[in-house]
């Protein structure tokens, strides 16, 4: 991954703060929380996590430690990451970079699948292995990137 310019770093940091603020506000409104049960799929060395997000919902995810593929099977979302905001319409395949935390607004019911290489078959353990809850644990992100580059 290339080094960010000073301007890109400022945008990243501002977006990180904005996403964290959205998450803080959402946590203060438990009456609006929705429960989404992921569908877990496993193949040799690959884990797929599928979520169907209701229209009109806002979701903030965890930080992904590694680059991975995403498939938006159907739907329309506006996604803010530390690197910017974009509208995505399904069907669509795209790659997420390491250090990605998303705030997602769904304009339509959306089905989203993420793919992660792993031999692990315990879905809860995979979440711990491939994500971080917040940026206070950047040391874990830095050490996972160091392992990948060695």
Protein backbone atom coordinates (compact mmCIF):
# COMPACT_ATOMS: atom_id res chain seq x y z
CA UNK A 1 0.00 0.00 0.00
CA UNK A 2 1.42 3.42 -0.93
CA UNK A 3 2.08 6.14 1.63
CA UNK A 4 -0.69 8.72 2.00
CA UNK A 5 -0.15 12.38 1.25
CA UNK A 6 -0.69 14.86 4.08
CA UNK A 7 -4.06 15.83 2.59
CA UNK A 8 -5.12 12.16 2.32
CA UNK A 9 -4.08 11.61 5.95
CA UNK A 10 -6.24 14.56 7.05
CA UNK A 11 -9.24 13.23 5.09
CA UNK A 12 -8.66 9.74 6.54
CA UNK A 13 -8.45 11.05 10.10
CA UNK A 14 -11.51 13.27 9.67
CA UNK A 15 -13.54 10.39 8.21
CA UNK A 16 -12.39 8.06 11.01
CA UNK A 17 -13.64 10.61 13.55
CA UNK A 18 -16.93 11.00 11.68
CA UNK A 19 -17.51 7.23 11.53
CA UNK A 20 -16.68 6.90 15.24
CA UNK A 21 -19.15 9.71 16.03
CA UNK A 22 -21.90 7.99 14.02
CA UNK A 23 -21.21 4.80 15.94
CA UNK A 24 -21.28 6.64 19.32
CA UNK A 25 -24.61 8.24 18.47
CA UNK A 26 -26.07 4.93 17.30
CA UNK A 27 -25.04 3.23 20.55
CA UNK A 28 -27.02 5.87 22.46
CA UNK A 29 -30.23 4.83 20.65
CA UNK A 30 -30.71 1.12 21.44
CA UNK A 31 -34.40 1.37 20.53
CA UNK A 32 -33.30 1.73 16.90
CA UNK A 33 -30.86 -1.20 16.87
CA UNK A 34 -31.56 -3.97 14.39
CA UNK A 35 -30.40 -7.55 14.60
CA UNK A 36 -28.96 -9.08 11.47
CA UNK A 37 -28.03 -12.74 11.44
CA UNK A 38 -25.15 -13.37 9.04
CA UNK A 39 -25.11 -16.44 6.83
CA UNK A 40 -21.75 -18.17 7.21
CA UNK A 41 -20.33 -20.15 4.26
CA UNK A 42 -17.12 -22.13 4.22
CA UNK A 43 -15.06 -23.61 1.43
CA UNK A 44 -11.54 -24.95 1.39
CA UNK A 45 -9.49 -22.08 2.87
CA UNK A 46 -12.24 -19.49 2.38
CA UNK A 47 -14.91 -17.94 4.59
CA UNK A 48 -17.84 -15.90 3.24
CA UNK A 49 -20.03 -13.77 5.52
CA UNK A 50 -23.37 -12.72 4.03
CA UNK A 51 -25.60 -10.02 5.50
CA UNK A 52 -28.94 -8.73 4.30
CA UNK A 53 -29.38 -5.12 5.39
CA UNK A 54 -32.89 -3.62 5.50
CA UNK A 55 -33.64 -0.49 3.48
CA UNK A 56 -33.22 2.74 5.42
CA UNK A 57 -30.74 1.35 7.94
CA UNK A 58 -27.38 2.69 9.03
CA UNK A 59 -24.71 0.18 9.97
CA UNK A 60 -21.18 0.73 11.26
CA UNK A 61 -18.84 -2.23 10.96
CA UNK A 62 -15.57 -3.24 12.51
CA UNK A 63 -12.14 -2.39 11.10
CA UNK A 64 -10.89 -4.94 8.59
CA UNK A 65 -7.22 -5.84 9.09
CA UNK A 66 -6.62 -7.24 5.61
CA UNK A 67 -7.57 -6.58 2.01
CA UNK A 68 -10.55 -8.69 1.00
CA UNK A 69 -13.20 -9.04 -1.67
CA UNK A 70 -16.78 -7.81 -1.28
CA UNK A 71 -19.82 -8.68 -3.36
CA UNK A 72 -22.91 -6.52 -3.29
CA UNK A 73 -25.43 -8.99 -4.68
CA UNK A 74 -28.26 -6.50 -4.74
CA UNK A 75 -29.18 -3.11 -3.35
CA UNK A 76 -27.93 0.45 -3.18
CA UNK A 77 -25.77 1.82 -0.36
CA UNK A 78 -23.81 4.93 0.47
CA UNK A 79 -20.55 3.92 2.12
CA UNK A 80 -18.14 6.12 4.05
CA UNK A 81 -14.69 4.75 4.85
CA UNK A 82 -11.59 6.53 6.10
CA UNK A 83 -10.77 7.13 2.42
CA UNK A 84 -13.99 8.72 1.20
CA UNK A 85 -17.70 8.29 0.48
CA UNK A 86 -19.25 6.55 -2.48
CA UNK A 87 -22.55 5.16 -3.72
CA UNK A 88 -22.46 1.49 -4.62
CA UNK A 89 -25.17 -0.30 -6.60
CA UNK A 90 -25.44 -4.08 -6.76
CA UNK A 91 -24.54 -6.28 -8.38
CA UNK A 92 -20.95 -5.22 -7.82
CA UNK A 93 -17.60 -6.76 -6.81
CA UNK A 94 -14.91 -4.64 -5.17
CA UNK A 95 -11.84 -4.93 -2.96
CA UNK A 96 -11.54 -3.37 0.48
CA UNK A 97 -8.14 -2.30 1.70
CA UNK A 98 -6.69 -2.93 5.17
CA UNK A 99 -7.66 -0.40 7.86
CA UNK A 100 -11.20 -0.11 6.45
CA UNK A 101 -14.08 0.70 8.78
CA UNK A 102 -17.38 1.55 7.12
CA UNK A 103 -20.48 3.52 7.91
CA UNK A 104 -23.16 2.27 5.53
CA UNK A 105 -26.58 3.73 4.74
CA UNK A 106 -28.91 1.43 2.79
CA UNK A 107 -31.19 3.10 0.25
CA UNK A 108 -32.64 -0.32 -0.67
CA UNK A 109 -32.56 -3.76 0.93
CA UNK A 110 -28.99 -4.87 0.30
CA UNK A 111 -27.26 -8.24 0.35
CA UNK A 112 -23.50 -7.92 1.01
CA UNK A 113 -20.92 -10.70 1.17
CA UNK A 114 -17.33 -10.40 2.36
CA UNK A 115 -14.73 -13.08 1.63
CA UNK A 116 -11.75 -13.88 3.86
CA UNK A 117 -9.01 -16.47 3.34
CA UNK A 118 -8.78 -18.66 6.43
CA UNK A 119 -8.62 -22.27 7.53
CA UNK A 120 -10.68 -21.37 10.62
CA UNK A 121 -14.31 -22.57 10.69
CA UNK A 122 -15.50 -20.86 13.89
CA UNK A 123 -17.25 -17.69 12.68
CA UNK A 124 -16.73 -15.81 15.96
CA UNK A 125 -13.00 -16.59 15.89
CA UNK A 126 -12.77 -15.45 12.28
CA UNK A 127 -14.30 -12.08 13.22
CA UNK A 128 -11.61 -11.70 15.90
CA UNK A 129 -8.88 -12.78 13.47
CA UNK A 130 -9.79 -10.46 10.58
CA UNK A 131 -11.21 -7.37 12.31
CA UNK A 132 -10.65 -4.91 15.13
CA UNK A 133 -13.44 -3.22 17.11
CA UNK A 134 -11.93 0.29 16.88
CA UNK A 135 -8.82 2.29 16.07
CA UNK A 136 -7.52 2.17 19.65
CA UNK A 137 -6.18 -1.29 18.73
CA UNK A 138 -4.02 -0.05 15.83
CA UNK A 139 -1.07 -2.02 17.21
CA UNK A 140 -2.85 -5.23 16.18
CA UNK A 141 -3.42 -3.78 12.71
CA UNK A 142 0.23 -2.76 12.42
CA UNK A 143 1.48 -6.20 13.53
CA UNK A 144 -0.86 -8.04 11.11
CA UNK A 145 0.43 -5.87 8.22
CA UNK A 146 4.01 -6.61 9.24
CA UNK A 147 3.31 -10.37 9.12
CA UNK A 148 1.80 -10.04 5.63
CA UNK A 149 4.79 -8.19 4.25
CA UNK A 150 7.39 -10.61 5.62
